[in-house]
Amino acid sequence: MNIIEAVRQAGQLIRTLDPNLLECVRTTLICSLTATVAAVLAGVPLAVLLGRKIFPGRDALVLAAHTGMAVPTVVIGLVLYGLLSRNGPLESLELLYTRKAIIIGEFALALPIIVALFSSATAGLAPKLEMTARTLGAGRLRTFWTVVSEAKVGLIAATMSAFGRVCSELGIAMMVGGNIKYHTRTMTTAIAMETAGGQFALALALGLILLLIALGINVAAQVFRLPTQRRHPDVL
């Protein structure tokens, strides 16, 4: 099959909403969105702590978060597979080759991205922000939300970066998801398998959808950054 014919067939699959294609997209979005939301909920408090407080071990945690951003997805998949597989310490949970296993792995992938990027954003805020909030009568929770609100552009950027990373990963989904059709097959695992099986049109269609998702993430990031840029224009 030549590339022109493959592109034509890929477009046809997208236009007709091919069931195999839609199921892969659905599985990817369910796992990626769930993992990203969980990573935001767990990572934001830690990011604020690392960005706004000085305490013993802080530098080690920051280093761990930045290192975690660079860990290959196959390494995370390998570790998780060892934990969940037969004779593994978590084998009794029976999570291997399920969407839950993919979500756990993608959560581990997204968490350091949220922590590293958002802690940097909060560290750049005014040093006396918390003191000012407390002077105005804010309690601990209100002060925390003040910090998050002031760094919301950084949070949005971190969240989008994490979602883009987990949405396009392959190693975790392949190793602990098993690429089971209509169950754990994601867009990336389908692309790998369909290409190897000679079904280039479906792989290309899924690749185009991934590109559209990446484009949407970047456009949304620019939209959220523009208001800040207008309020603080560069002075030449």
C-alpha atoms as a PDB file:
ATOM      1  CA  MET A   1       0.000   0.000   0.000  1.00  0.00           C
ATOM      2  CA  ASN A   2       1.439   3.366  -1.001  1.00  0.00           C
ATOM      3  CA  ILE A   3       1.329   6.375   1.288  1.00  0.00           C
ATOM      4  CA  ILE A   4      -1.353   8.198  -0.700  1.00  0.00           C
ATOM      5  CA  GLU A   5      -3.730   5.237  -0.499  1.00  0.00           C
ATOM      6  CA  ALA A   6      -2.957   4.845   3.210  1.00  0.00           C
ATOM      7  CA  VAL A   7      -3.799   8.505   3.864  1.00  0.00           C
ATOM      8  CA  ARG A   8      -7.056   8.135   1.930  1.00  0.00           C
ATOM      9  CA  GLN A   9      -8.064   5.058   3.910  1.00  0.00           C
ATOM     10  CA  ALA A  10      -7.041   6.708   7.199  1.00  0.00           C
ATOM     11  CA  GLY A  11      -9.267   9.674   6.399  1.00  0.00           C
ATOM     12  CA  GLN A  12     -12.108   7.284   5.600  1.00  0.00           C
ATOM     13  CA  LEU A  13     -11.700   5.514   8.943  1.00  0.00           C
ATOM     14  CA  ILE A  14     -11.870   8.841  10.783  1.00  0.00           C
ATOM     15  CA  ARG A  15     -14.869  10.105   8.793  1.00  0.00           C
ATOM     16  CA  THR A  16     -16.856   6.898   9.306  1.00  0.00           C
ATOM     17  CA  LEU A  17     -15.922   6.701  13.005  1.00  0.00           C
ATOM     18  CA  ASP A  18     -14.511   3.197  12.735  1.00  0.00           C
ATOM     19  CA  PRO A  19     -15.393   1.215  15.928  1.00  0.00           C
ATOM     20  CA  ASN A  20     -11.837  -0.113  16.398  1.00  0.00           C
ATOM     21  CA  LEU A  21     -10.458   3.397  16.117  1.00  0.00           C
ATOM     22  CA  LEU A  22     -13.031   4.884  18.501  1.00  0.00           C
ATOM     23  CA  GLU A  23     -12.405   2.208  21.121  1.00  0.00           C
ATOM     24  CA  CYS A  24      -8.673   2.900  21.096  1.00  0.00           C
ATOM     25  CA  VAL A  25      -9.303   6.640  21.438  1.00  0.00           C
ATOM     26  CA  ARG A  26     -11.825   6.045  24.227  1.00  0.00           C
ATOM     27  CA  THR A  27      -9.453   3.801  26.206  1.00  0.00           C
ATOM     28  CA  THR A  28      -6.600   6.279  25.797  1.00  0.00           C
ATOM     29  CA  LEU A  29      -8.644   9.253  26.960  1.00  0.00           C
ATOM     30  CA  ILE A  30     -10.160   7.403  29.940  1.00  0.00           C
ATOM     31  CA  CYS A  31      -6.766   6.236  31.200  1.00  0.00           C
ATOM     32  CA  SER A  32      -4.913   9.470  30.443  1.00  0.00           C
ATOM     33  CA  LEU A  33      -7.508  11.834  31.902  1.00  0.00           C
ATOM     34  CA  THR A  34      -7.945   9.740  35.053  1.00  0.00           C
ATOM     35  CA  ALA A  35      -4.192   9.484  35.618  1.00  0.00           C
ATOM     36  CA  THR A  36      -3.681  13.210  34.999  1.00  0.00           C
ATOM     37  CA  VAL A  37      -6.472  14.294  37.353  1.00  0.00           C
ATOM     38  CA  ALA A  38      -5.138  11.981  40.078  1.00  0.00           C
ATOM     39  CA  ALA A  39      -1.620  13.335  39.554  1.00  0.00           C
ATOM     40  CA  VAL A  40      -2.861  16.929  39.860  1.00  0.00           C
ATOM     41  CA  LEU A  41      -4.744  16.177  43.081  1.00  0.00           C
ATOM     42  CA  ALA A  42      -1.737  14.432  44.621  1.00  0.00           C
ATOM     43  CA  GLY A  43       0.978  16.615  43.133  1.00  0.00           C
ATOM     44  CA  VAL A  44      -0.292  20.157  43.693  1.00  0.00           C
ATOM     45  CA  PRO A  45       0.022  20.152  47.520  1.00  0.00           C
ATOM     46  CA  LEU A  46       3.535  18.671  47.272  1.00  0.00           C
ATOM     47  CA  ALA A  47       4.483  21.173  44.564  1.00  0.00           C
ATOM     48  CA  VAL A  48       3.313  24.108  46.699  1.00  0.00           C
ATOM     49  CA  LEU A  49       5.287  22.745  49.645  1.00  0.00           C
ATOM     50  CA  LEU A  50       8.456  22.372  47.572  1.00  0.00           C
ATOM     51  CA  GLY A  51       8.029  25.740  45.907  1.00  0.00           C
ATOM     52  CA  ARG A  52       7.216  27.802  48.969  1.00  0.00           C
ATOM     53  CA  LYS A  53       8.982  26.138  51.932  1.00  0.00           C
ATOM     54  CA  ILE A  54      12.577  25.396  52.898  1.00  0.00           C
ATOM     55  CA  PHE A  55      13.036  22.189  54.905  1.00  0.00           C
ATOM     56  CA  PRO A  56      15.519  19.300  55.237  1.00  0.00           C
ATOM     57  CA  GLY A  57      15.317  16.983  52.246  1.00  0.00           C
ATOM     58  CA  ARG A  58      13.632  19.534  49.994  1.00  0.00           C
ATOM     59  CA  ASP A  59      16.459  19.579  47.445  1.00  0.00           C
ATOM     60  CA  ALA A  60      16.389  15.781  47.261  1.00  0.00           C
ATOM     61  CA  LEU A  61      12.645  15.798  46.560  1.00  0.00           C
ATOM     62  CA  VAL A  62      13.030  18.464  43.865  1.00  0.00           C
ATOM     63  CA  LEU A  63      15.835  16.432  42.285  1.00  0.00           C
ATOM     64  CA  ALA A  64      13.672  13.294  42.422  1.00  0.00           C
ATOM     65  CA  ALA A  65      10.785  15.098  40.712  1.00  0.00           C
ATOM     66  CA  HIS A  66      12.990  16.413  37.909  1.00  0.00           C
ATOM     67  CA  THR A  67      14.618  13.002  37.509  1.00  0.00           C
ATOM     68  CA  GLY A  68      11.183  11.397  37.362  1.00  0.00           C
ATOM     69  CA  MET A  69      10.323  13.551  34.361  1.00  0.00           C
ATOM     70  CA  ALA A  70      13.069  11.822  32.375  1.00  0.00           C
ATOM     71  CA  VAL A  71      12.382   8.205  33.392  1.00  0.00           C
ATOM     72  CA  PRO A  72      11.576   6.091  30.289  1.00  0.00           C
ATOM     73  CA  THR A  73       8.037   4.767  30.267  1.00  0.00           C
ATOM     74  CA  VAL A  74       9.277   1.204  29.741  1.00  0.00           C
ATOM     75  CA  VAL A  75      11.113   1.419  33.069  1.00  0.00           C
ATOM     76  CA  ILE A  76       7.912   2.422  34.865  1.00  0.00           C
ATOM     77  CA  GLY A  77       6.085  -0.354  33.024  1.00  0.00           C
ATOM     78  CA  LEU A  78       8.780  -2.869  33.978  1.00  0.00           C
ATOM     79  CA  VAL A  79       8.665  -1.971  37.679  1.00  0.00           C
ATOM     80  CA  LEU A  80       4.872  -2.036  37.752  1.00  0.00           C
ATOM     81  CA  TYR A  81       4.806  -5.335  35.864  1.00  0.00           C
ATOM     82  CA  GLY A  82       7.129  -6.834  38.470  1.00  0.00           C
ATOM     83  CA  LEU A  83       4.841  -5.664  41.256  1.00  0.00           C
ATOM     84  CA  LEU A  84       1.609  -6.889  39.659  1.00  0.00           C
ATOM     85  CA  SER A  85       2.697 -10.071  37.884  1.00  0.00           C
ATOM     86  CA  ARG A  86       2.556 -13.628  39.220  1.00  0.00           C
ATOM     87  CA  ASN A  87       4.668 -13.958  42.375  1.00  0.00           C
ATOM     88  CA  GLY A  88       4.821 -10.157  42.624  1.00  0.00           C
ATOM     89  CA  PRO A  89       3.938  -8.499  45.952  1.00  0.00           C
ATOM     90  CA  LEU A  90       0.726  -7.023  44.512  1.00  0.00           C
ATOM     91  CA  GLU A  91      -0.325 -10.042  42.433  1.00  0.00           C
ATOM     92  CA  SER A  92      -3.377 -10.646  44.656  1.00  0.00           C
ATOM     93  CA  LEU A  93      -4.920  -7.361  43.470  1.00  0.00           C
ATOM     94  CA  GLU A  94      -5.302  -8.890  39.981  1.00  0.00           C
ATOM     95  CA  LEU A  95      -4.639  -5.574  38.241  1.00  0.00           C
ATOM     96  CA  LEU A  96      -2.256  -6.763  35.531  1.00  0.00           C
ATOM     97  CA  TYR A  97      -3.636  -6.316  32.003  1.00  0.00           C
ATOM     98  CA  THR A  98      -6.392  -3.974  33.123  1.00  0.00           C
ATOM     99  CA  ARG A  99      -7.087  -0.294  32.595  1.00  0.00           C
ATOM    100  CA  LYS A 100      -6.436   0.268  36.284  1.00  0.00           C
ATOM    101  CA  ALA A 101      -2.858  -0.916  35.825  1.00  0.00           C
ATOM    102  CA  ILE A 102      -2.379   1.518  32.942  1.00  0.00           C
ATOM    103  CA  ILE A 103      -3.819   4.356  35.035  1.00  0.00           C
ATOM    104  CA  ILE A 104      -1.482   3.556  37.938  1.00  0.00           C
ATOM    105  CA  GLY A 105       1.529   3.542  35.627  1.00  0.00           C
ATOM    106  CA  GLU A 106       0.500   6.755  33.896  1.00  0.00           C
ATOM    107  CA  PHE A 107      -0.119   8.361  37.288  1.00  0.00           C
ATOM    108  CA  ALA A 108       3.490   7.523  38.208  1.00  0.00           C
ATOM    109  CA  LEU A 109       4.560   9.112  34.924  1.00  0.00           C
ATOM    110  CA  ALA A 110       2.464  12.282  35.343  1.00  0.00           C
ATOM    111  CA  LEU A 111       3.112  12.973  39.031  1.00  0.00           C
ATOM    112  CA  PRO A 112       6.753  14.141  38.766  1.00  0.00           C
ATOM    113  CA  ILE A 113       5.818  16.374  35.819  1.00  0.00           C
ATOM    114  CA  ILE A 114       3.139  18.123  37.878  1.00  0.00           C
ATOM    115  CA  VAL A 115       5.390  18.433  40.933  1.00  0.00           C
ATOM    116  CA  ALA A 116       8.478  19.656  39.067  1.00  0.00           C
ATOM    117  CA  LEU A 117       6.766  22.192  36.810  1.00  0.00           C
ATOM    118  CA  PHE A 118       4.253  23.559  39.308  1.00  0.00           C
ATOM    119  CA  SER A 119       6.794  23.841  42.138  1.00  0.00           C
ATOM    120  CA  SER A 120       8.904  26.014  39.825  1.00  0.00           C
ATOM    121  CA  ALA A 121       5.847  28.157  39.091  1.00  0.00           C
ATOM    122  CA  THR A 122       5.010  28.664  42.774  1.00  0.00           C
ATOM    123  CA  ALA A 123       8.639  29.398  43.626  1.00  0.00           C
ATOM    124  CA  GLY A 124       8.490  32.409  41.318  1.00  0.00           C
ATOM    125  CA  LEU A 125       5.657  34.088  43.252  1.00  0.00           C
ATOM    126  CA  ALA A 126       6.165  37.010  45.622  1.00  0.00           C
ATOM    127  CA  PRO A 127       8.025  35.829  48.751  1.00  0.00           C
ATOM    128  CA  LYS A 128       5.538  37.515  51.110  1.00  0.00           C
ATOM    129  CA  LEU A 129       2.389  36.188  49.417  1.00  0.00           C
ATOM    130  CA  GLU A 130       1.434  33.863  52.289  1.00  0.00           C
ATOM    131  CA  MET A 131       2.153  36.523  54.904  1.00  0.00           C
ATOM    132  CA  THR A 132      -0.077  38.991  53.050  1.00  0.00           C
ATOM    133  CA  ALA A 133      -2.879  36.441  52.802  1.00  0.00           C
ATOM    134  CA  ARG A 134      -2.708  35.658  56.523  1.00  0.00           C
ATOM    135  CA  THR A 135      -2.668  39.376  57.355  1.00  0.00           C
ATOM    136  CA  LEU A 136      -5.962  39.649  55.470  1.00  0.00           C
ATOM    137  CA  GLY A 137      -7.443  36.894  57.627  1.00  0.00           C
ATOM    138  CA  ALA A 138      -6.923  33.838  55.390  1.00  0.00           C
ATOM    139  CA  GLY A 139      -6.539  30.463  57.061  1.00  0.00           C
ATOM    140  CA  ARG A 140      -4.230  27.696  55.905  1.00  0.00           C
ATOM    141  CA  LEU A 141      -6.598  26.340  53.257  1.00  0.00           C
ATOM    142  CA  ARG A 142      -7.428  29.807  51.913  1.00  0.00           C
ATOM    143  CA  THR A 143      -3.723  30.680  51.828  1.00  0.00           C
ATOM    144  CA  PHE A 144      -3.031  27.472  49.916  1.00  0.00           C
ATOM    145  CA  TRP A 145      -5.704  28.313  47.348  1.00  0.00           C
ATOM    146  CA  THR A 146      -4.292  31.829  47.056  1.00  0.00           C
ATOM    147  CA  VAL A 147      -0.916  30.401  46.077  1.00  0.00           C
ATOM    148  CA  VAL A 148      -2.521  27.986  43.588  1.00  0.00           C
ATOM    149  CA  SER A 149      -4.635  30.769  42.111  1.00  0.00           C
ATOM    150  CA  GLU A 150      -1.664  33.087  41.676  1.00  0.00           C
ATOM    151  CA  ALA A 151       0.258  30.325  39.878  1.00  0.00           C
ATOM    152  CA  LYS A 152      -2.716  28.974  37.909  1.00  0.00           C
ATOM    153  CA  VAL A 153      -1.047  29.519  34.536  1.00  0.00           C
ATOM    154  CA  GLY A 154       1.830  27.320  35.692  1.00  0.00           C
ATOM    155  CA  LEU A 155      -0.631  24.708  36.911  1.00  0.00           C
ATOM    156  CA  ILE A 156      -2.423  24.680  33.571  1.00  0.00           C
ATOM    157  CA  ALA A 157       0.874  24.323  31.720  1.00  0.00           C
ATOM    158  CA  ALA A 158       1.997  21.501  34.023  1.00  0.00           C
ATOM    159  CA  THR A 159      -1.332  19.697  33.652  1.00  0.00           C
ATOM    160  CA  MET A 160      -1.280  19.949  29.877  1.00  0.00           C
ATOM    161  CA  SER A 161       2.316  18.751  29.743  1.00  0.00           C
ATOM    162  CA  ALA A 162       1.460  15.766  31.932  1.00  0.00           C
ATOM    163  CA  PHE A 163      -1.630  14.892  29.893  1.00  0.00           C
ATOM    164  CA  GLY A 164       0.280  15.119  26.636  1.00  0.00           C
ATOM    165  CA  ARG A 165       3.006  12.855  28.035  1.00  0.00           C
ATOM    166  CA  VAL A 166       0.690  10.119  29.328  1.00  0.00           C
ATOM    167  CA  CYS A 167      -1.567  10.286  26.291  1.00  0.00           C
ATOM    168  CA  SER A 168       1.326   9.510  23.956  1.00  0.00           C
ATOM    169  CA  GLU A 169       3.243   6.982  26.066  1.00  0.00           C
ATOM    170  CA  LEU A 170       3.663   3.399  24.857  1.00  0.00           C
ATOM    171  CA  GLY A 171       5.776   1.401  27.294  1.00  0.00           C
ATOM    172  CA  ILE A 172       3.404   1.391  30.263  1.00  0.00           C
ATOM    173  CA  ALA A 173       0.278   0.624  28.253  1.00  0.00           C
ATOM    174  CA  MET A 174       1.998  -2.207  26.392  1.00  0.00           C
ATOM    175  CA  MET A 175       3.640  -3.866  29.399  1.00  0.00           C
ATOM    176  CA  VAL A 176       0.893  -3.717  32.021  1.00  0.00           C
ATOM    177  CA  GLY A 177      -2.117  -3.265  29.737  1.00  0.00           C
ATOM    178  CA  GLY A 178      -1.330  -6.104  27.396  1.00  0.00           C
ATOM    179  CA  ASN A 179      -2.882  -4.443  24.324  1.00  0.00           C
ATOM    180  CA  ILE A 180      -6.146  -6.384  24.727  1.00  0.00           C
ATOM    181  CA  LYS A 181      -8.620  -5.430  22.012  1.00  0.00           C
ATOM    182  CA  TYR A 182     -11.711  -3.559  23.268  1.00  0.00           C
ATOM    183  CA  HIS A 183     -10.253  -3.527  26.771  1.00  0.00           C
ATOM    184  CA  THR A 184      -6.735  -2.123  27.185  1.00  0.00           C
ATOM    185  CA  ARG A 185      -5.691  -1.255  23.636  1.00  0.00           C
ATOM    186  CA  THR A 186      -4.659   2.403  23.510  1.00  0.00           C
ATOM    187  CA  MET A 187      -3.856   4.532  20.502  1.00  0.00           C
ATOM    188  CA  THR A 188      -0.096   4.068  20.877  1.00  0.00           C
ATOM    189  CA  THR A 189      -0.215   0.291  21.377  1.00  0.00           C
ATOM    190  CA  ALA A 190      -2.621  -0.007  18.450  1.00  0.00           C
ATOM    191  CA  ILE A 191      -0.289   2.046  16.252  1.00  0.00           C
ATOM    192  CA  ALA A 192       2.624  -0.256  17.100  1.00  0.00           C
ATOM    193  CA  MET A 193       0.653  -3.472  16.588  1.00  0.00           C
ATOM    194  CA  GLU A 194      -1.263  -2.420  13.485  1.00  0.00           C
ATOM    195  CA  THR A 195       1.905  -1.185  11.790  1.00  0.00           C
ATOM    196  CA  ALA A 196       3.660  -4.466  12.563  1.00  0.00           C
ATOM    197  CA  GLY A 197       0.615  -6.325  11.223  1.00  0.00           C
ATOM    198  CA  GLY A 198       0.531  -4.409   7.971  1.00  0.00           C
ATOM    199  CA  GLN A 199      -2.613  -2.370   8.799  1.00  0.00           C
ATOM    200  CA  PHE A 200      -0.927   0.929   8.079  1.00  0.00           C
ATOM    201  CA  ALA A 201      -4.147   2.873   7.395  1.00  0.00           C
ATOM    202  CA  LEU A 202      -5.556   2.345  10.900  1.00  0.00           C
ATOM    203  CA  ALA A 203      -2.178   3.125  12.458  1.00  0.00           C
ATOM    204  CA  LEU A 204      -1.972   6.317  10.408  1.00  0.00           C
ATOM    205  CA  ALA A 205      -5.504   7.346  11.400  1.00  0.00           C
ATOM    206  CA  LEU A 206      -4.644   6.924  15.076  1.00  0.00           C
ATOM    207  CA  GLY A 207      -1.403   8.825  14.541  1.00  0.00           C
ATOM    208  CA  LEU A 208      -3.318  11.717  13.013  1.00  0.00           C
ATOM    209  CA  ILE A 209      -5.658  11.797  16.007  1.00  0.00           C
ATOM    210  CA  LEU A 210      -2.676  11.886  18.371  1.00  0.00           C
ATOM    211  CA  LEU A 211      -1.257  14.796  16.400  1.00  0.00           C
ATOM    212  CA  LEU A 212      -4.592  16.627  16.671  1.00  0.00           C
ATOM    213  CA  ILE A 213      -4.613  16.054  20.433  1.00  0.00           C
ATOM    214  CA  ALA A 214      -1.053  17.410  20.688  1.00  0.00           C
ATOM    215  CA  LEU A 215      -2.040  20.424  18.590  1.00  0.00           C
ATOM    216  CA  GLY A 216      -5.099  21.040  20.772  1.00  0.00           C
ATOM    217  CA  ILE A 217      -2.972  20.913  23.932  1.00  0.00           C
ATOM    218  CA  ASN A 218      -0.503  23.449  22.560  1.00  0.00           C
ATOM    219  CA  VAL A 219      -3.226  25.782  21.282  1.00  0.00           C
ATOM    220  CA  ALA A 220      -4.988  25.664  24.647  1.00  0.00           C
ATOM    221  CA  ALA A 221      -1.701  26.372  26.437  1.00  0.00           C
ATOM    222  CA  GLN A 222      -1.134  29.428  24.274  1.00  0.00           C
ATOM    223  CA  VAL A 223      -4.667  30.667  24.915  1.00  0.00           C
ATOM    224  CA  PHE A 224      -4.170  30.437  28.670  1.00  0.00           C
ATOM    225  CA  ARG A 225      -0.774  32.162  28.495  1.00  0.00           C
ATOM    226  CA  LEU A 226      -1.892  35.077  26.326  1.00  0.00           C
ATOM    227  CA  PRO A 227      -3.849  36.962  29.045  1.00  0.00           C
ATOM    228  CA  THR A 228      -0.736  36.956  31.242  1.00  0.00           C
ATOM    229  CA  GLN A 229       1.404  38.176  28.379  1.00  0.00           C
ATOM    230  CA  ARG A 230      -1.018  41.040  27.703  1.00  0.00           C
ATOM    231  CA  ARG A 231      -0.960  42.121  31.356  1.00  0.00           C
ATOM    232  CA  HIS A 232       2.845  41.988  31.426  1.00  0.00           C
ATOM    233  CA  PRO A 233       4.068  43.015  27.973  1.00  0.00           C
ATOM    234  CA  ASP A 234       7.767  42.851  27.244  1.00  0.00           C
ATOM    235  CA  VAL A 235       9.517  46.167  27.351  1.00  0.00           C
ATOM    236  CA  LEU A 236      12.011  46.590  24.531  1.00  0.00           C
END
